[in-house]
PDB file of N, CA and C in Angstrom:
ATOM      1  N   MET A   1      96.376  52.702  89.018  1.00  0.00           N
ATOM      2  CA  MET A   1      97.368  52.978  90.034  1.00  0.00           C
ATOM      3  C   MET A   1      97.056  54.336  90.651  1.00  0.00           C
ATOM      4  N   LYS A   2      96.940  54.358  91.940  1.00  0.00           N
ATOM      5  CA  LYS A   2      96.718  55.617  92.643  1.00  0.00           C
ATOM      6  C   LYS A   2      98.031  56.065  93.254  1.00  0.00           C
ATOM      7  N   ASP A   3      98.488  57.242  92.865  1.00  0.00           N
ATOM      8  CA  ASP A   3      99.758  57.741  93.396  1.00  0.00           C
ATOM      9  C   ASP A   3      99.574  59.003  94.226  1.00  0.00           C
ATOM     10  N   ASP A   4      98.344  59.256  94.689  1.00  0.00           N
ATOM     11  CA  ASP A   4      98.086  60.474  95.451  1.00  0.00           C
ATOM     12  C   ASP A   4      98.677  60.433  96.860  1.00  0.00           C
ATOM     13  N   ALA A   5      99.026  59.263  97.379  1.00  0.00           N
ATOM     14  CA  ALA A   5      99.620  59.166  98.706  1.00  0.00           C
ATOM     15  C   ALA A   5     101.019  58.562  98.652  1.00  0.00           C
ATOM     16  N   SER A   6     101.624  58.581  97.500  1.00  0.00           N
ATOM     17  CA  SER A   6     102.955  58.003  97.320  1.00  0.00           C
ATOM     18  C   SER A   6     103.974  59.101  97.074  1.00  0.00           C
ATOM     19  N   VAL A   7     105.239  58.712  97.176  1.00  0.00           N
ATOM     20  CA  VAL A   7     106.331  59.622  96.856  1.00  0.00           C
ATOM     21  C   VAL A   7     106.884  59.214  95.501  1.00  0.00           C
ATOM     22  N   VAL A   8     106.925  60.172  94.595  1.00  0.00           N
ATOM     23  CA  VAL A   8     107.421  59.900  93.249  1.00  0.00           C
ATOM     24  C   VAL A   8     108.532  60.895  92.947  1.00  0.00           C
ATOM     25  N   PHE A   9     109.676  60.384  92.526  1.00  0.00           N
ATOM     26  CA  PHE A   9     110.791  61.230  92.122  1.00  0.00           C
ATOM     27  C   PHE A   9     110.948  61.147  90.614  1.00  0.00           C
ATOM     28  N   ALA A  10     111.267  62.263  89.999  1.00  0.00           N
ATOM     29  CA  ALA A  10     111.550  62.294  88.564  1.00  0.00           C
ATOM     30  C   ALA A  10     112.894  62.981  88.368  1.00  0.00           C
ATOM     31  N   TYR A  11     113.705  62.406  87.485  1.00  0.00           N
ATOM     32  CA  TYR A  11     114.996  63.016  87.182  1.00  0.00           C
ATOM     33  C   TYR A  11     115.349  62.730  85.734  1.00  0.00           C
ATOM     34  N   TYR A  12     116.258  63.504  85.206  1.00  0.00           N
ATOM     35  CA  TYR A  12     116.720  63.333  83.836  1.00  0.00           C
ATOM     36  C   TYR A  12     118.105  62.708  83.844  1.00  0.00           C
ATOM     37  N   LYS A  13     118.252  61.598  83.129  1.00  0.00           N
ATOM     38  CA  LYS A  13     119.571  60.991  82.968  1.00  0.00           C
ATOM     39  C   LYS A  13     120.380  61.865  82.028  1.00  0.00           C
ATOM     40  N   ASP A  14     121.684  61.704  82.024  1.00  0.00           N
ATOM     41  CA  ASP A  14     122.559  62.526  81.185  1.00  0.00           C
ATOM     42  C   ASP A  14     122.165  62.435  79.717  1.00  0.00           C
ATOM     43  N   GLY A  15     121.796  63.565  79.134  1.00  0.00           N
ATOM     44  CA  GLY A  15     121.463  63.635  77.719  1.00  0.00           C
ATOM     45  C   GLY A  15     120.070  63.161  77.357  1.00  0.00           C
ATOM     46  N   ALA A  16     119.264  62.761  78.320  1.00  0.00           N
ATOM     47  CA  ALA A  16     117.920  62.260  78.031  1.00  0.00           C
ATOM     48  C   ALA A  16     116.942  63.415  77.874  1.00  0.00           C
ATOM     49  N   THR A  17     115.963  63.234  76.986  1.00  0.00           N
ATOM     50  CA  THR A  17     114.928  64.248  76.817  1.00  0.00           C
ATOM     51  C   THR A  17     113.677  63.907  77.619  1.00  0.00           C
ATOM     52  N   ASN A  18     113.527  62.644  78.009  1.00  0.00           N
ATOM     53  CA  ASN A  18     112.382  62.216  78.809  1.00  0.00           C
ATOM     54  C   ASN A  18     112.839  61.906  80.232  1.00  0.00           C
ATOM     55  N   PRO A  19     112.027  62.259  81.230  1.00  0.00           N
ATOM     56  CA  PRO A  19     112.421  61.993  82.618  1.00  0.00           C
ATOM     57  C   PRO A  19     112.272  60.517  82.984  1.00  0.00           C
ATOM     58  N   THR A  20     112.994  60.104  83.996  1.00  0.00           N
ATOM     59  CA  THR A  20     112.860  58.773  84.585  1.00  0.00           C
ATOM     60  C   THR A  20     112.144  58.950  85.915  1.00  0.00           C
ATOM     61  N   PHE A  21     111.093  58.153  86.148  1.00  0.00           N
ATOM     62  CA  PHE A  21     110.298  58.266  87.365  1.00  0.00           C
ATOM     63  C   PHE A  21     110.612  57.111  88.306  1.00  0.00           C
ATOM     64  N   LEU A  22     110.721  57.419  89.588  1.00  0.00           N
ATOM     65  CA  LEU A  22     110.926  56.411  90.625  1.00  0.00           C
ATOM     66  C   LEU A  22     109.714  56.423  91.552  1.00  0.00           C
ATOM     67  N   TYR A  23     108.997  55.305  91.622  1.00  0.00           N
ATOM     68  CA  TYR A  23     107.845  55.148  92.504  1.00  0.00           C
ATOM     69  C   TYR A  23     108.240  54.238  93.651  1.00  0.00           C
ATOM     70  N   PHE A  24     107.977  54.659  94.871  1.00  0.00           N
ATOM     71  CA  PHE A  24     108.230  53.796  96.011  1.00  0.00           C
ATOM     72  C   PHE A  24     107.065  52.816  96.141  1.00  0.00           C
ATOM     73  N   SER A  25     107.378  51.542  96.230  1.00  0.00           N
ATOM     74  CA  SER A  25     106.373  50.482  96.140  1.00  0.00           C
ATOM     75  C   SER A  25     105.487  50.334  97.376  1.00  0.00           C
ATOM     76  N   HIS A  26     105.715  51.081  98.409  1.00  0.00           N
ATOM     77  CA  HIS A  26     104.916  50.946  99.629  1.00  0.00           C
ATOM     78  C   HIS A  26     103.437  51.247  99.378  1.00  0.00           C
ATOM     79  N   GLY A  27     103.146  52.167  98.484  1.00  0.00           N
ATOM     80  CA  GLY A  27     101.760  52.561  98.254  1.00  0.00           C
ATOM     81  C   GLY A  27     101.184  52.067  96.950  1.00  0.00           C
ATOM     82  N   LEU A  28     101.858  51.150  96.262  1.00  0.00           N
ATOM     83  CA  LEU A  28     101.384  50.678  94.969  1.00  0.00           C
ATOM     84  C   LEU A  28     100.929  49.229  95.049  1.00  0.00           C
ATOM     85  N   LYS A  29      99.904  48.890  94.268  1.00  0.00           N
ATOM     86  CA  LYS A  29      99.447  47.512  94.153  1.00  0.00           C
ATOM     87  C   LYS A  29      99.917  46.967  92.819  1.00  0.00           C
ATOM     88  N   GLU A  30     100.341  45.712  92.822  1.00  0.00           N
ATOM     89  CA  GLU A  30     100.781  45.075  91.586  1.00  0.00           C
ATOM     90  C   GLU A  30      99.562  44.653  90.778  1.00  0.00           C
ATOM     91  N   ILE A  31      99.574  44.990  89.496  1.00  0.00           N
ATOM     92  CA  ILE A  31      98.489  44.632  88.592  1.00  0.00           C
ATOM     93  C   ILE A  31      99.077  43.845  87.440  1.00  0.00           C
ATOM     94  N   LYS A  32      98.538  42.641  87.207  1.00  0.00           N
ATOM     95  CA  LYS A  32      98.994  41.836  86.075  1.00  0.00           C
ATOM     96  C   LYS A  32      98.099  42.131  84.885  1.00  0.00           C
ATOM     97  N   CYS A  33      98.718  42.386  83.759  1.00  0.00           N
ATOM     98  CA  CYS A  33      97.960  42.687  82.539  1.00  0.00           C
ATOM     99  C   CYS A  33      97.906  41.487  81.624  1.00  0.00           C
TER     100      CYS A  33
END
């Protein structure tokens, strides 16, 4: 996944120690594993 031309937001939910990331799908390709 290349995210160099995408907008990514990260935020912390209440009481969480790990951030939650939001990727806008306009610049991402779907990959099936």
